[in-house]
Amino acid sequence: MAQGSENETRSADAERHEEVEEISLLELANVLLKRWKLVVGLPLLAAVLTAIISLLIPPKYTATATFVPEEESQSLILRGRSRESDAERRRVAGGLCRSPKRGPA
């Protein structure tokens, strides 16, 4: 009885194997070689059409730039003012410290 069920399983597997048609790599290569013009022609045609379209479309160049000036801190402004006031003080002080011009004696 065990032997009979084993034979049935083998025959069922053989039937399924016959139903599924397998294709070998050699058969696949043979089909591709028979249709080599189609295999090579379609990608080549797509490349040529893409090149023509890309050359016909006018190029568009866009650029953007933003400029944000740096904000001066209060310390820099105060230092700049103190330098100006120091120079002004020296100029005024230099004028006050000079003795009046005397004419020829």
C-alpha atoms as a PDB file:
ATOM      1  CA  MET A   1       0.000   0.000   0.000  1.00  0.00           C
ATOM      2  CA  ALA A   2       2.825   2.407   0.779  1.00  0.00           C
ATOM      3  CA  GLN A   3       4.445   1.488  -2.495  1.00  0.00           C
ATOM      4  CA  GLY A   4       1.298   2.262  -4.468  1.00  0.00           C
ATOM      5  CA  SER A   5       0.914   5.760  -3.004  1.00  0.00           C
ATOM      6  CA  GLU A   6       4.591   6.441  -3.718  1.00  0.00           C
ATOM      7  CA  ASN A   7       4.110   5.533  -7.376  1.00  0.00           C
ATOM      8  CA  GLU A   8       1.054   7.752  -7.568  1.00  0.00           C
ATOM      9  CA  THR A   9       3.030  10.696  -6.149  1.00  0.00           C
ATOM     10  CA  ARG A  10       5.802  10.173  -8.692  1.00  0.00           C
ATOM     11  CA  SER A  11       3.377  10.004 -11.603  1.00  0.00           C
ATOM     12  CA  ALA A  12       1.596  13.165 -10.370  1.00  0.00           C
ATOM     13  CA  ASP A  13       4.962  14.980 -10.173  1.00  0.00           C
ATOM     14  CA  ALA A  14       5.834  13.808 -13.691  1.00  0.00           C
ATOM     15  CA  GLU A  15       2.521  15.109 -15.018  1.00  0.00           C
ATOM     16  CA  ARG A  16       3.028  18.501 -13.360  1.00  0.00           C
ATOM     17  CA  HIS A  17       6.549  18.688 -14.750  1.00  0.00           C
ATOM     18  CA  GLU A  18       5.285  18.013 -18.254  1.00  0.00           C
ATOM     19  CA  GLU A  19       2.576  20.671 -17.871  1.00  0.00           C
ATOM     20  CA  VAL A  20       5.100  23.353 -16.926  1.00  0.00           C
ATOM     21  CA  GLU A  21       7.041  24.151 -20.040  1.00  0.00           C
ATOM     22  CA  GLU A  22      10.534  25.184 -19.111  1.00  0.00           C
ATOM     23  CA  ILE A  23      12.656  27.336 -21.373  1.00  0.00           C
ATOM     24  CA  SER A  24      16.387  26.896 -21.378  1.00  0.00           C
ATOM     25  CA  LEU A  25      18.920  29.688 -21.645  1.00  0.00           C
ATOM     26  CA  LEU A  26      19.910  28.406 -25.040  1.00  0.00           C
ATOM     27  CA  GLU A  27      16.340  28.712 -26.315  1.00  0.00           C
ATOM     28  CA  LEU A  28      16.085  32.232 -24.852  1.00  0.00           C
ATOM     29  CA  ALA A  29      19.338  33.283 -26.512  1.00  0.00           C
ATOM     30  CA  ASN A  30      18.103  31.800 -29.785  1.00  0.00           C
ATOM     31  CA  VAL A  31      14.900  33.895 -29.681  1.00  0.00           C
ATOM     32  CA  LEU A  32      16.869  37.071 -28.873  1.00  0.00           C
ATOM     33  CA  LEU A  33      19.299  36.409 -31.720  1.00  0.00           C
ATOM     34  CA  LYS A  34      16.455  35.846 -34.161  1.00  0.00           C
ATOM     35  CA  ARG A  35      15.005  39.223 -33.203  1.00  0.00           C
ATOM     36  CA  TRP A  36      18.313  41.079 -32.893  1.00  0.00           C
ATOM     37  CA  LYS A  37      17.087  43.963 -35.029  1.00  0.00           C
ATOM     38  CA  LEU A  38      14.279  44.622 -32.558  1.00  0.00           C
ATOM     39  CA  VAL A  39      16.553  44.155 -29.528  1.00  0.00           C
ATOM     40  CA  VAL A  40      19.107  46.648 -30.869  1.00  0.00           C
ATOM     41  CA  GLY A  41      16.782  48.919 -32.835  1.00  0.00           C
ATOM     42  CA  LEU A  42      14.308  49.988 -30.133  1.00  0.00           C
ATOM     43  CA  PRO A  43      16.905  51.246 -27.607  1.00  0.00           C
ATOM     44  CA  LEU A  44      18.856  52.917 -30.424  1.00  0.00           C
ATOM     45  CA  LEU A  45      15.709  54.613 -31.719  1.00  0.00           C
ATOM     46  CA  ALA A  46      14.857  55.825 -28.214  1.00  0.00           C
ATOM     47  CA  ALA A  47      18.376  57.253 -27.780  1.00  0.00           C
ATOM     48  CA  VAL A  48      18.279  59.079 -31.122  1.00  0.00           C
ATOM     49  CA  LEU A  49      14.825  60.551 -30.450  1.00  0.00           C
ATOM     50  CA  THR A  50      15.909  61.671 -26.985  1.00  0.00           C
ATOM     51  CA  ALA A  51      19.028  63.362 -28.386  1.00  0.00           C
ATOM     52  CA  ILE A  52      17.033  65.182 -31.081  1.00  0.00           C
ATOM     53  CA  ILE A  53      14.398  66.406 -28.633  1.00  0.00           C
ATOM     54  CA  SER A  54      16.995  67.575 -26.120  1.00  0.00           C
ATOM     55  CA  LEU A  55      18.825  69.543 -28.828  1.00  0.00           C
ATOM     56  CA  LEU A  56      15.626  71.172 -30.110  1.00  0.00           C
ATOM     57  CA  ILE A  57      14.380  72.402 -26.739  1.00  0.00           C
ATOM     58  CA  PRO A  58      15.919  75.817 -25.980  1.00  0.00           C
ATOM     59  CA  PRO A  59      17.962  75.859 -22.783  1.00  0.00           C
ATOM     60  CA  LYS A  60      16.609  77.802 -19.833  1.00  0.00           C
ATOM     61  CA  TYR A  61      19.051  79.132 -17.310  1.00  0.00           C
ATOM     62  CA  THR A  62      17.894  80.606 -14.044  1.00  0.00           C
ATOM     63  CA  ALA A  63      19.880  81.916 -11.164  1.00  0.00           C
ATOM     64  CA  THR A  64      18.982  83.597  -7.916  1.00  0.00           C
ATOM     65  CA  ALA A  65      21.131  85.454  -5.473  1.00  0.00           C
ATOM     66  CA  THR A  66      20.336  86.992  -2.145  1.00  0.00           C
ATOM     67  CA  PHE A  67      22.420  89.452  -0.240  1.00  0.00           C
ATOM     68  CA  VAL A  68      21.945  90.101   3.430  1.00  0.00           C
ATOM     69  CA  PRO A  69      24.333  92.669   4.884  1.00  0.00           C
ATOM     70  CA  GLU A  70      25.760  91.866   8.260  1.00  0.00           C
ATOM     71  CA  GLU A  71      24.382  93.890  11.102  1.00  0.00           C
ATOM     72  CA  GLU A  72      27.003  95.806  13.026  1.00  0.00           C
ATOM     73  CA  SER A  73      26.911  95.217  16.728  1.00  0.00           C
ATOM     74  CA  GLN A  74      26.575  98.125  19.123  1.00  0.00           C
ATOM     75  CA  SER A  75      30.130  97.655  20.348  1.00  0.00           C
ATOM     76  CA  LEU A  76      31.529  98.149  16.829  1.00  0.00           C
ATOM     77  CA  ILE A  77      29.456 101.292  16.337  1.00  0.00           C
ATOM     78  CA  LEU A  78      30.540 102.690  19.699  1.00  0.00           C
ATOM     79  CA  ARG A  79      34.172 101.888  18.994  1.00  0.00           C
ATOM     80  CA  GLY A  80      33.935 103.653  15.655  1.00  0.00           C
ATOM     81  CA  ARG A  81      32.368 106.710  17.260  1.00  0.00           C
ATOM     82  CA  SER A  82      34.962 106.788  20.006  1.00  0.00           C
ATOM     83  CA  ARG A  83      37.726 106.705  17.388  1.00  0.00           C
ATOM     84  CA  GLU A  84      36.110 109.597  15.576  1.00  0.00           C
ATOM     85  CA  SER A  85      35.653 111.539  18.797  1.00  0.00           C
ATOM     86  CA  ASP A  86      39.252 110.803  19.842  1.00  0.00           C
ATOM     87  CA  ALA A  87      40.510 112.166  16.532  1.00  0.00           C
ATOM     88  CA  GLU A  88      38.275 115.223  16.889  1.00  0.00           C
ATOM     89  CA  ARG A  89      39.524 115.808  20.437  1.00  0.00           C
ATOM     90  CA  ARG A  90      43.134 115.570  19.315  1.00  0.00           C
ATOM     91  CA  ARG A  91      42.525 118.045  16.494  1.00  0.00           C
ATOM     92  CA  VAL A  92      40.808 120.514  18.781  1.00  0.00           C
ATOM     93  CA  ALA A  93      43.305 119.974  21.546  1.00  0.00           C
ATOM     94  CA  GLY A  94      46.171 120.407  19.123  1.00  0.00           C
ATOM     95  CA  GLY A  95      44.744 123.763  18.081  1.00  0.00           C
ATOM     96  CA  LEU A  96      44.316 124.922  21.666  1.00  0.00           C
ATOM     97  CA  CYS A  97      47.762 123.909  22.806  1.00  0.00           C
ATOM     98  CA  ARG A  98      49.549 125.780  20.087  1.00  0.00           C
ATOM     99  CA  SER A  99      50.892 129.105  20.982  1.00  0.00           C
ATOM    100  CA  PRO A 100      49.607 131.985  18.933  1.00  0.00           C
ATOM    101  CA  LYS A 101      51.718 132.912  15.995  1.00  0.00           C
ATOM    102  CA  ARG A 102      53.894 135.863  16.553  1.00  0.00           C
ATOM    103  CA  GLY A 103      54.979 138.122  13.884  1.00  0.00           C
ATOM    104  CA  PRO A 104      58.587 138.971  13.137  1.00  0.00           C
ATOM    105  CA  ALA A 105      60.231 140.747  15.952  1.00  0.00           C
END
